[in-house]
PDB file of N, CA and C in Angstrom:
ATOM      1  N   MET A   1     173.815  90.575  89.286  1.00  0.00           N
ATOM      2  CA  MET A   1     173.300  91.731  88.563  1.00  0.00           C
ATOM      3  C   MET A   1     171.898  91.432  88.078  1.00  0.00           C
ATOM      4  N   LYS A   2     171.148  92.499  87.878  1.00  0.00           N
ATOM      5  CA  LYS A   2     169.758  92.393  87.447  1.00  0.00           C
ATOM      6  C   LYS A   2     169.528  93.326  86.267  1.00  0.00           C
ATOM      7  N   LEU A   3     168.467  93.051  85.519  1.00  0.00           N
ATOM      8  CA  LEU A   3     168.021  93.940  84.453  1.00  0.00           C
ATOM      9  C   LEU A   3     166.803  94.706  84.933  1.00  0.00           C
ATOM     10  N   GLY A   4     166.688  95.951  84.532  1.00  0.00           N
ATOM     11  CA  GLY A   4     165.529  96.748  84.894  1.00  0.00           C
ATOM     12  C   GLY A   4     165.240  97.806  83.858  1.00  0.00           C
ATOM     13  N   LYS A   5     164.069  98.396  83.963  1.00  0.00           N
ATOM     14  CA  LYS A   5     163.670  99.498  83.088  1.00  0.00           C
ATOM     15  C   LYS A   5     163.409 100.717  83.959  1.00  0.00           C
ATOM     16  N   VAL A   6     164.008 101.835  83.586  1.00  0.00           N
ATOM     17  CA  VAL A   6     163.804 103.067  84.338  1.00  0.00           C
ATOM     18  C   VAL A   6     162.396 103.569  84.025  1.00  0.00           C
ATOM     19  N   ILE A   7     161.584 103.719  85.086  1.00  0.00           N
ATOM     20  CA  ILE A   7     160.199 104.134  84.891  1.00  0.00           C
ATOM     21  C   ILE A   7     159.897 105.494  85.514  1.00  0.00           C
ATOM     22  N   GLY A   8     160.891 106.093  86.143  1.00  0.00           N
ATOM     23  CA  GLY A   8     160.644 107.402  86.739  1.00  0.00           C
ATOM     24  C   GLY A   8     161.857 107.924  87.490  1.00  0.00           C
ATOM     25  N   GLN A   9     161.700 109.133  87.979  1.00  0.00           N
ATOM     26  CA  GLN A   9     162.748 109.811  88.720  1.00  0.00           C
ATOM     27  C   GLN A   9     162.255 110.092  90.134  1.00  0.00           C
ATOM     28  N   VAL A  10     163.165 110.095  91.095  1.00  0.00           N
ATOM     29  CA  VAL A  10     162.828 110.408  92.478  1.00  0.00           C
ATOM     30  C   VAL A  10     163.600 111.668  92.850  1.00  0.00           C
ATOM     31  N   VAL A  11     162.888 112.686  93.314  1.00  0.00           N
ATOM     32  CA  VAL A  11     163.523 113.930  93.733  1.00  0.00           C
ATOM     33  C   VAL A  11     163.361 114.053  95.239  1.00  0.00           C
ATOM     34  N   SER A  12     164.473 114.260  95.917  1.00  0.00           N
ATOM     35  CA  SER A  12     164.463 114.385  97.368  1.00  0.00           C
ATOM     36  C   SER A  12     165.379 115.538  97.752  1.00  0.00           C
ATOM     37  N   THR A  13     164.792 116.630  98.184  1.00  0.00           N
ATOM     38  CA  THR A  13     165.613 117.790  98.548  1.00  0.00           C
ATOM     39  C   THR A  13     166.290 117.591  99.894  1.00  0.00           C
ATOM     40  N   ARG A  14     165.678 116.799 100.762  1.00  0.00           N
ATOM     41  CA  ARG A  14     166.288 116.483 102.061  1.00  0.00           C
ATOM     42  C   ARG A  14     166.578 114.988 102.083  1.00  0.00           C
ATOM     43  N   LYS A  15     167.857 114.642 102.223  1.00  0.00           N
ATOM     44  CA  LYS A  15     168.252 113.238 102.241  1.00  0.00           C
ATOM     45  C   LYS A  15     169.580 113.094 102.972  1.00  0.00           C
ATOM     46  N   ASP A  16     169.955 111.883 103.229  1.00  0.00           N
ATOM     47  CA  ASP A  16     171.230 111.583 103.864  1.00  0.00           C
ATOM     48  C   ASP A  16     172.343 112.272 103.075  1.00  0.00           C
ATOM     49  N   GLU A  17     173.272 112.898 103.784  1.00  0.00           N
ATOM     50  CA  GLU A  17     174.329 113.681 103.129  1.00  0.00           C
ATOM     51  C   GLU A  17     175.185 112.842 102.191  1.00  0.00           C
ATOM     52  N   ARG A  18     175.247 111.533 102.417  1.00  0.00           N
ATOM     53  CA  ARG A  18     176.037 110.663 101.547  1.00  0.00           C
ATOM     54  C   ARG A  18     175.364 110.415 100.202  1.00  0.00           C
ATOM     55  N   LEU A  19     174.095 110.815 100.079  1.00  0.00           N
ATOM     56  CA  LEU A  19     173.374 110.668  98.814  1.00  0.00           C
ATOM     57  C   LEU A  19     173.340 111.964  98.007  1.00  0.00           C
ATOM     58  N   VAL A  20     173.802 113.054  98.593  1.00  0.00           N
ATOM     59  CA  VAL A  20     173.807 114.343  97.891  1.00  0.00           C
ATOM     60  C   VAL A  20     174.672 114.216  96.644  1.00  0.00           C
ATOM     61  N   GLY A  21     174.138 114.693  95.528  1.00  0.00           N
ATOM     62  CA  GLY A  21     174.861 114.636  94.263  1.00  0.00           C
ATOM     63  C   GLY A  21     174.565 113.402  93.438  1.00  0.00           C
ATOM     64  N   HIS A  22     173.823 112.457  94.004  1.00  0.00           N
ATOM     65  CA  HIS A  22     173.460 111.244  93.264  1.00  0.00           C
ATOM     66  C   HIS A  22     172.036 111.367  92.722  1.00  0.00           C
ATOM     67  N   LYS A  23     171.865 111.060  91.444  1.00  0.00           N
ATOM     68  CA  LYS A  23     170.527 111.043  90.841  1.00  0.00           C
ATOM     69  C   LYS A  23     169.849 109.738  91.233  1.00  0.00           C
ATOM     70  N   LEU A  24     168.590 109.831  91.645  1.00  0.00           N
ATOM     71  CA  LEU A  24     167.816 108.664  92.060  1.00  0.00           C
ATOM     72  C   LEU A  24     166.755 108.369  91.015  1.00  0.00           C
ATOM     73  N   LEU A  25     166.694 107.115  90.573  1.00  0.00           N
ATOM     74  CA  LEU A  25     165.721 106.702  89.562  1.00  0.00           C
ATOM     75  C   LEU A  25     164.885 105.536  90.072  1.00  0.00           C
ATOM     76  N   LEU A  26     163.655 105.473  89.602  1.00  0.00           N
ATOM     77  CA  LEU A  26     162.742 104.390  89.930  1.00  0.00           C
ATOM     78  C   LEU A  26     162.882 103.328  88.835  1.00  0.00           C
ATOM     79  N   VAL A  27     163.235 102.104  89.239  1.00  0.00           N
ATOM     80  CA  VAL A  27     163.520 101.041  88.276  1.00  0.00           C
ATOM     81  C   VAL A  27     162.626  99.837  88.545  1.00  0.00           C
ATOM     82  N   GLN A  28     162.015  99.318  87.470  1.00  0.00           N
ATOM     83  CA  GLN A  28     161.211  98.098  87.558  1.00  0.00           C
ATOM     84  C   GLN A  28     162.054  96.944  87.032  1.00  0.00           C
ATOM     85  N   PHE A  29     162.182  95.869  87.827  1.00  0.00           N
ATOM     86  CA  PHE A  29     162.989  94.719  87.422  1.00  0.00           C
ATOM     87  C   PHE A  29     162.341  93.998  86.252  1.00  0.00           C
ATOM     88  N   LEU A  30     163.186  93.435  85.390  1.00  0.00           N
ATOM     89  CA  LEU A  30     162.740  92.702  84.208  1.00  0.00           C
ATOM     90  C   LEU A  30     163.322  91.297  84.229  1.00  0.00           C
ATOM     91  N   GLU A  31     162.650  90.392  83.501  1.00  0.00           N
ATOM     92  CA  GLU A  31     163.155  89.041  83.298  1.00  0.00           C
ATOM     93  C   GLU A  31     162.678  88.554  81.938  1.00  0.00           C
ATOM     94  N   PRO A  32     163.369  87.580  81.348  1.00  0.00           N
ATOM     95  CA  PRO A  32     162.934  87.078  80.045  1.00  0.00           C
ATOM     96  C   PRO A  32     161.664  86.242  80.179  1.00  0.00           C
ATOM     97  N   GLY A  33     160.746  86.441  79.241  1.00  0.00           N
ATOM     98  CA  GLY A  33     159.527  85.644  79.205  1.00  0.00           C
ATOM     99  C   GLY A  33     159.731  84.401  78.361  1.00  0.00           C
ATOM    100  N   LYS A  34     158.725  83.559  78.273  1.00  0.00           N
ATOM    101  CA  LYS A  34     158.820  82.312  77.510  1.00  0.00           C
ATOM    102  C   LYS A  34     159.049  82.569  76.027  1.00  0.00           C
ATOM    103  N   ASP A  35     158.609  83.738  75.537  1.00  0.00           N
ATOM    104  CA  ASP A  35     158.800  84.055  74.123  1.00  0.00           C
ATOM    105  C   ASP A  35     160.136  84.750  73.863  1.00  0.00           C
ATOM    106  N   GLY A  36     160.962  84.903  74.905  1.00  0.00           N
ATOM    107  CA  GLY A  36     162.278  85.504  74.740  1.00  0.00           C
ATOM    108  C   GLY A  36     162.308  87.009  74.921  1.00  0.00           C
ATOM    109  N   ARG A  37     161.157  87.646  75.056  1.00  0.00           N
ATOM    110  CA  ARG A  37     161.124  89.095  75.268  1.00  0.00           C
ATOM    111  C   ARG A  37     161.207  89.411  76.755  1.00  0.00           C
ATOM    112  N   LEU A  38     161.711  90.596  77.059  1.00  0.00           N
ATOM    113  CA  LEU A  38     161.790  91.021  78.454  1.00  0.00           C
ATOM    114  C   LEU A  38     160.418  91.464  78.945  1.00  0.00           C
ATOM    115  N   MET A  39     160.089  91.088  80.166  1.00  0.00           N
ATOM    116  CA  MET A  39     158.807  91.456  80.757  1.00  0.00           C
ATOM    117  C   MET A  39     159.028  91.786  82.229  1.00  0.00           C
ATOM    118  N   SER A  40     158.021  92.352  82.859  1.00  0.00           N
ATOM    119  CA  SER A  40     158.108  92.657  84.288  1.00  0.00           C
ATOM    120  C   SER A  40     158.403  91.388  85.066  1.00  0.00           C
ATOM    121  N   ALA A  41     159.212  91.527  86.098  1.00  0.00           N
ATOM    122  CA  ALA A  41     159.570  90.374  86.917  1.00  0.00           C
ATOM    123  C   ALA A  41     158.331  89.821  87.609  1.00  0.00           C
ATOM    124  N   ARG A  42     158.435  88.589  88.090  1.00  0.00           N
ATOM    125  CA  ARG A  42     157.305  87.915  88.759  1.00  0.00           C
ATOM    126  C   ARG A  42     156.653  88.806  89.806  1.00  0.00           C
ATOM    127  N   GLY A  43     155.370  88.630  89.970  1.00  0.00           N
ATOM    128  CA  GLY A  43     154.645  89.426  90.966  1.00  0.00           C
ATOM    129  C   GLY A  43     154.444  90.849  90.483  1.00  0.00           C
ATOM    130  N   ASN A  44     154.093  91.025  89.223  1.00  0.00           N
ATOM    131  CA  ASN A  44     153.852  92.282  88.501  1.00  0.00           C
ATOM    132  C   ASN A  44     155.000  93.291  88.591  1.00  0.00           C
ATOM    133  N   GLY A  45     156.196  92.800  88.807  1.00  0.00           N
ATOM    134  CA  GLY A  45     157.369  93.651  88.668  1.00  0.00           C
ATOM    135  C   GLY A  45     157.770  94.420  89.906  1.00  0.00           C
ATOM    136  N   ARG A  46     158.822  93.994  90.510  1.00  0.00           N
ATOM    137  CA  ARG A  46     159.376  94.681  91.666  1.00  0.00           C
ATOM    138  C   ARG A  46     159.936  96.029  91.224  1.00  0.00           C
ATOM    139  N   VAL A  47     159.703  97.052  92.026  1.00  0.00           N
ATOM    140  CA  VAL A  47     160.182  98.399  91.725  1.00  0.00           C
ATOM    141  C   VAL A  47     161.062  98.863  92.882  1.00  0.00           C
ATOM    142  N   GLU A  48     162.221  99.420  92.547  1.00  0.00           N
ATOM    143  CA  GLU A  48     163.164  99.895  93.562  1.00  0.00           C
ATOM    144  C   GLU A  48     163.720 101.251  93.166  1.00  0.00           C
ATOM    145  N   ILE A  49     164.141 102.022  94.153  1.00  0.00           N
ATOM    146  CA  ILE A  49     164.856 103.268  93.905  1.00  0.00           C
ATOM    147  C   ILE A  49     166.328 102.916  93.793  1.00  0.00           C
ATOM    148  N   SER A  50     166.972 103.409  92.731  1.00  0.00           N
ATOM    149  CA  SER A  50     168.366 103.090  92.462  1.00  0.00           C
ATOM    150  C   SER A  50     169.175 104.358  92.252  1.00  0.00           C
ATOM    151  N   VAL A  51     170.421 104.330  92.686  1.00  0.00           N
ATOM    152  CA  VAL A  51     171.347 105.430  92.424  1.00  0.00           C
ATOM    153  C   VAL A  51     171.865 105.262  90.998  1.00  0.00           C
ATOM    154  N   ASP A  52     171.781 106.321  90.200  1.00  0.00           N
ATOM    155  CA  ASP A  52     172.226 106.283  88.811  1.00  0.00           C
ATOM    156  C   ASP A  52     173.689 106.695  88.724  1.00  0.00           C
ATOM    157  N   LEU A  53     174.535 105.787  88.250  1.00  0.00           N
ATOM    158  CA  LEU A  53     175.966 106.070  88.134  1.00  0.00           C
ATOM    159  C   LEU A  53     176.416 106.268  86.691  1.00  0.00           C
ATOM    160  N   VAL A  54     175.466 106.130  85.740  1.00  0.00           N
ATOM    161  CA  VAL A  54     175.867 106.155  84.331  1.00  0.00           C
ATOM    162  C   VAL A  54     175.082 107.137  83.462  1.00  0.00           C
ATOM    163  N   GLY A  55     174.187 107.911  84.046  1.00  0.00           N
ATOM    164  CA  GLY A  55     173.421 108.881  83.265  1.00  0.00           C
ATOM    165  C   GLY A  55     172.253 108.283  82.510  1.00  0.00           C
ATOM    166  N   ALA A  56     171.596 107.309  83.107  1.00  0.00           N
ATOM    167  CA  ALA A  56     170.435 106.665  82.473  1.00  0.00           C
ATOM    168  C   ALA A  56     169.236 107.600  82.492  1.00  0.00           C
ATOM    169  N   GLY A  57     168.271 107.301  81.638  1.00  0.00           N
ATOM    170  CA  GLY A  57     167.056 108.104  81.578  1.00  0.00           C
ATOM    171  C   GLY A  57     165.820 107.234  81.557  1.00  0.00           C
ATOM    172  N   VAL A  58     164.674 107.857  81.713  1.00  0.00           N
ATOM    173  CA  VAL A  58     163.399 107.150  81.724  1.00  0.00           C
ATOM    174  C   VAL A  58     163.222 106.398  80.405  1.00  0.00           C
ATOM    175  N   GLY A  59     162.793 105.136  80.519  1.00  0.00           N
ATOM    176  CA  GLY A  59     162.549 104.301  79.356  1.00  0.00           C
ATOM    177  C   GLY A  59     163.719 103.406  78.976  1.00  0.00           C
ATOM    178  N   GLU A  60     164.883 103.631  79.560  1.00  0.00           N
ATOM    179  CA  GLU A  60     166.054 102.823  79.204  1.00  0.00           C
ATOM    180  C   GLU A  60     166.117 101.541  80.024  1.00  0.00           C
ATOM    181  N   ILE A  61     166.662 100.496  79.391  1.00  0.00           N
ATOM    182  CA  ILE A  61     166.924  99.232  80.066  1.00  0.00           C
ATOM    183  C   ILE A  61     168.322  99.352  80.676  1.00  0.00           C
ATOM    184  N   VAL A  62     168.442  98.970  81.943  1.00  0.00           N
ATOM    185  CA  VAL A  62     169.698  99.177  82.659  1.00  0.00           C
ATOM    186  C   VAL A  62     170.149  97.913  83.387  1.00  0.00           C
ATOM    187  N   LEU A  63     171.454  97.892  83.725  1.00  0.00           N
ATOM    188  CA  LEU A  63     172.040  96.856  84.569  1.00  0.00           C
ATOM    189  C   LEU A  63     172.124  97.389  85.983  1.00  0.00           C
ATOM    190  N   LEU A  64     171.729  96.570  86.943  1.00  0.00           N
ATOM    191  CA  LEU A  64     171.738  96.972  88.352  1.00  0.00           C
ATOM    192  C   LEU A  64     172.586  96.012  89.172  1.00  0.00           C
ATOM    193  N   CYS A  65     173.266  96.554  90.142  1.00  0.00           N
ATOM    194  CA  CYS A  65     173.902  95.709  91.152  1.00  0.00           C
ATOM    195  C   CYS A  65     173.299  96.109  92.494  1.00  0.00           C
ATOM    196  N   SER A  66     173.462  95.245  93.480  1.00  0.00           N
ATOM    197  CA  SER A  66     172.811  95.499  94.765  1.00  0.00           C
ATOM    198  C   SER A  66     173.764  95.280  95.923  1.00  0.00           C
ATOM    199  N   GLY A  67     173.329  95.733  97.089  1.00  0.00           N
ATOM    200  CA  GLY A  67     174.071  95.518  98.317  1.00  0.00           C
ATOM    201  C   GLY A  67     175.419  96.212  98.330  1.00  0.00           C
ATOM    202  N   SER A  68     176.434  95.521  98.871  1.00  0.00           N
ATOM    203  CA  SER A  68     177.763  96.128  98.982  1.00  0.00           C
ATOM    204  C   SER A  68     178.353  96.433  97.612  1.00  0.00           C
ATOM    205  N   SER A  69     177.990  95.674  96.591  1.00  0.00           N
ATOM    206  CA  SER A  69     178.463  95.969  95.232  1.00  0.00           C
ATOM    207  C   SER A  69     177.950  97.319  94.768  1.00  0.00           C
ATOM    208  N   ALA A  70     176.708  97.646  95.098  1.00  0.00           N
ATOM    209  CA  ALA A  70     176.134  98.945  94.729  1.00  0.00           C
ATOM    210  C   ALA A  70     176.842 100.076  95.463  1.00  0.00           C
ATOM    211  N   ARG A  71     177.099  99.881  96.738  1.00  0.00           N
ATOM    212  CA  ARG A  71     177.795 100.914  97.519  1.00  0.00           C
ATOM    213  C   ARG A  71     179.226 101.104  97.029  1.00  0.00           C
ATOM    214  N   ASN A  72     179.917 100.013  96.716  1.00  0.00           N
ATOM    215  CA  ASN A  72     181.276 100.111  96.188  1.00  0.00           C
ATOM    216  C   ASN A  72     181.296 100.820  94.839  1.00  0.00           C
ATOM    217  N   ALA A  73     180.340 100.497  93.976  1.00  0.00           N
ATOM    218  CA  ALA A  73     180.267 101.141  92.663  1.00  0.00           C
ATOM    219  C   ALA A  73     180.043 102.643  92.806  1.00  0.00           C
ATOM    220  N   ALA A  74     179.254 103.036  93.801  1.00  0.00           N
ATOM    221  CA  ALA A  74     178.970 104.454  94.037  1.00  0.00           C
ATOM    222  C   ALA A  74     180.134 105.165  94.714  1.00  0.00           C
ATOM    223  N   GLY A  75     181.085 104.396  95.240  1.00  0.00           N
ATOM    224  CA  GLY A  75     182.248 104.991  95.887  1.00  0.00           C
ATOM    225  C   GLY A  75     182.007 105.474  97.305  1.00  0.00           C
ATOM    226  N   VAL A  76     180.898 105.062  97.893  1.00  0.00           N
ATOM    227  CA  VAL A  76     180.581 105.423  99.281  1.00  0.00           C
ATOM    228  C   VAL A  76     180.123 104.147  99.991  1.00  0.00           C
ATOM    229  N   THR A  77     181.082 103.441 100.555  1.00  0.00           N
ATOM    230  CA  THR A  77     180.788 102.125 101.123  1.00  0.00           C
ATOM    231  C   THR A  77     179.917 102.167 102.364  1.00  0.00           C
ATOM    232  N   ASP A  78     179.775 103.348 102.971  1.00  0.00           N
ATOM    233  CA  ASP A  78     178.928 103.442 104.164  1.00  0.00           C
ATOM    234  C   ASP A  78     177.599 104.140 103.879  1.00  0.00           C
ATOM    235  N   ALA A  79     177.261 104.357 102.604  1.00  0.00           N
ATOM    236  CA  ALA A  79     176.020 105.056 102.250  1.00  0.00           C
ATOM    237  C   ALA A  79     174.831 104.090 102.258  1.00  0.00           C
ATOM    238  N   PRO A  80     173.627 104.613 102.485  1.00  0.00           N
ATOM    239  CA  PRO A  80     172.422 103.782 102.483  1.00  0.00           C
ATOM    240  C   PRO A  80     171.931 103.519 101.057  1.00  0.00           C
ATOM    241  N   ILE A  81     172.709 102.756 100.297  1.00  0.00           N
ATOM    242  CA  ILE A  81     172.389 102.445  98.899  1.00  0.00           C
ATOM    243  C   ILE A  81     172.133 100.950  98.782  1.00  0.00           C
ATOM    244  N   ASP A  82     170.959 100.582  98.287  1.00  0.00           N
ATOM    245  CA  ASP A  82     170.632  99.172  98.070  1.00  0.00           C
ATOM    246  C   ASP A  82     170.857  98.756  96.619  1.00  0.00           C
ATOM    247  N   PHE A  83     170.583  99.665  95.661  1.00  0.00           N
ATOM    248  CA  PHE A  83     170.734  99.352  94.244  1.00  0.00           C
ATOM    249  C   PHE A  83     171.433 100.493  93.524  1.00  0.00           C
ATOM    250  N   ALA A  84     172.283 100.136  92.553  1.00  0.00           N
ATOM    251  CA  ALA A  84     172.963 101.128  91.735  1.00  0.00           C
ATOM    252  C   ALA A  84     172.860 100.722  90.270  1.00  0.00           C
ATOM    253  N   ILE A  85     172.597 101.698  89.424  1.00  0.00           N
ATOM    254  CA  ILE A  85     172.582 101.476  87.975  1.00  0.00           C
ATOM    255  C   ILE A  85     174.020 101.605  87.504  1.00  0.00           C
ATOM    256  N   VAL A  86     174.552 100.512  86.939  1.00  0.00           N
ATOM    257  CA  VAL A  86     175.958 100.492  86.537  1.00  0.00           C
ATOM    258  C   VAL A  86     176.145 100.343  85.025  1.00  0.00           C
ATOM    259  N   GLY A  87     175.055 100.252  84.278  1.00  0.00           N
ATOM    260  CA  GLY A  87     175.172 100.143  82.829  1.00  0.00           C
ATOM    261  C   GLY A  87     173.850 100.401  82.146  1.00  0.00           C
ATOM    262  N   ILE A  88     173.938 100.891  80.910  1.00  0.00           N
ATOM    263  CA  ILE A  88     172.764 101.062  80.046  1.00  0.00           C
ATOM    264  C   ILE A  88     172.852  99.985  78.980  1.00  0.00           C
ATOM    265  N   VAL A  89     171.799  99.191  78.828  1.00  0.00           N
ATOM    266  CA  VAL A  89     171.795  98.030  77.945  1.00  0.00           C
ATOM    267  C   VAL A  89     171.483  98.463  76.507  1.00  0.00           C
ATOM    268  N   ASP A  90     172.306  97.973  75.580  1.00  0.00           N
ATOM    269  CA  ASP A  90     172.052  98.211  74.156  1.00  0.00           C
ATOM    270  C   ASP A  90     171.132  97.142  73.583  1.00  0.00           C
ATOM    271  N   THR A  91     171.453  95.874  73.823  1.00  0.00           N
ATOM    272  CA  THR A  91     170.628  94.771  73.334  1.00  0.00           C
ATOM    273  C   THR A  91     170.639  93.630  74.339  1.00  0.00           C
ATOM    274  N   VAL A  92     169.588  92.816  74.279  1.00  0.00           N
ATOM    275  CA  VAL A  92     169.504  91.592  75.073  1.00  0.00           C
ATOM    276  C   VAL A  92     169.050  90.496  74.125  1.00  0.00           C
ATOM    277  N   ASP A  93     169.827  89.425  74.027  1.00  0.00           N
ATOM    278  CA  ASP A  93     169.463  88.277  73.201  1.00  0.00           C
ATOM    279  C   ASP A  93     169.156  87.107  74.116  1.00  0.00           C
ATOM    280  N   VAL A  94     167.952  86.543  73.968  1.00  0.00           N
ATOM    281  CA  VAL A  94     167.532  85.423  74.804  1.00  0.00           C
ATOM    282  C   VAL A  94     167.123  84.287  73.897  1.00  0.00           C
ATOM    283  N   CYS A  95     167.678  83.115  74.142  1.00  0.00           N
ATOM    284  CA  CYS A  95     167.274  81.917  73.412  1.00  0.00           C
ATOM    285  C   CYS A  95     166.045  81.369  74.124  1.00  0.00           C
ATOM    286  N   SER A  96     164.856  81.554  73.533  1.00  0.00           N
ATOM    287  CA  SER A  96     163.616  81.183  74.212  1.00  0.00           C
ATOM    288  C   SER A  96     163.477  79.672  74.404  1.00  0.00           C
ATOM    289  N   ASP A  97     164.236  78.850  73.655  1.00  0.00           N
ATOM    290  CA  ASP A  97     164.183  77.396  73.846  1.00  0.00           C
ATOM    291  C   ASP A  97     164.759  76.996  75.204  1.00  0.00           C
ATOM    292  N   GLU A  98     165.591  77.844  75.789  1.00  0.00           N
ATOM    293  CA  GLU A  98     166.249  77.530  77.053  1.00  0.00           C
ATOM    294  C   GLU A  98     165.389  77.881  78.259  1.00  0.00           C
ATOM    295  N   ILE A  99     164.343  78.667  78.074  1.00  0.00           N
ATOM    296  CA  ILE A  99     163.528  79.128  79.193  1.00  0.00           C
ATOM    297  C   ILE A  99     162.433  78.115  79.483  1.00  0.00           C
ATOM    298  N   MET A 100     162.307  77.749  80.747  1.00  0.00           N
ATOM    299  CA  MET A 100     161.286  76.768  81.126  1.00  0.00           C
ATOM    300  C   MET A 100     160.038  77.440  81.597  1.00  0.00           C
TER     301      MET A 100
END
């Protein structure tokens, strides 16, 4: 699983029929920094389109799964889904002494 921040929405009126009914969000991956705060992942932050399964919104920190786990979570194992939002994060506690 990965952490990410929802930074936008993707609207597609024409798409694979297995994606119809799924909200698509643009998510930037996050990782803990040396000071313990969350920051954009290495390489100025990877951004991916994710299927939203929990009703997340722009600005929220979310939990993501990928690959077959994302497809299973969405309930369509043959759909072209690489990432799925499976949780909205309330808090993240990082012990900055542990980060190298």
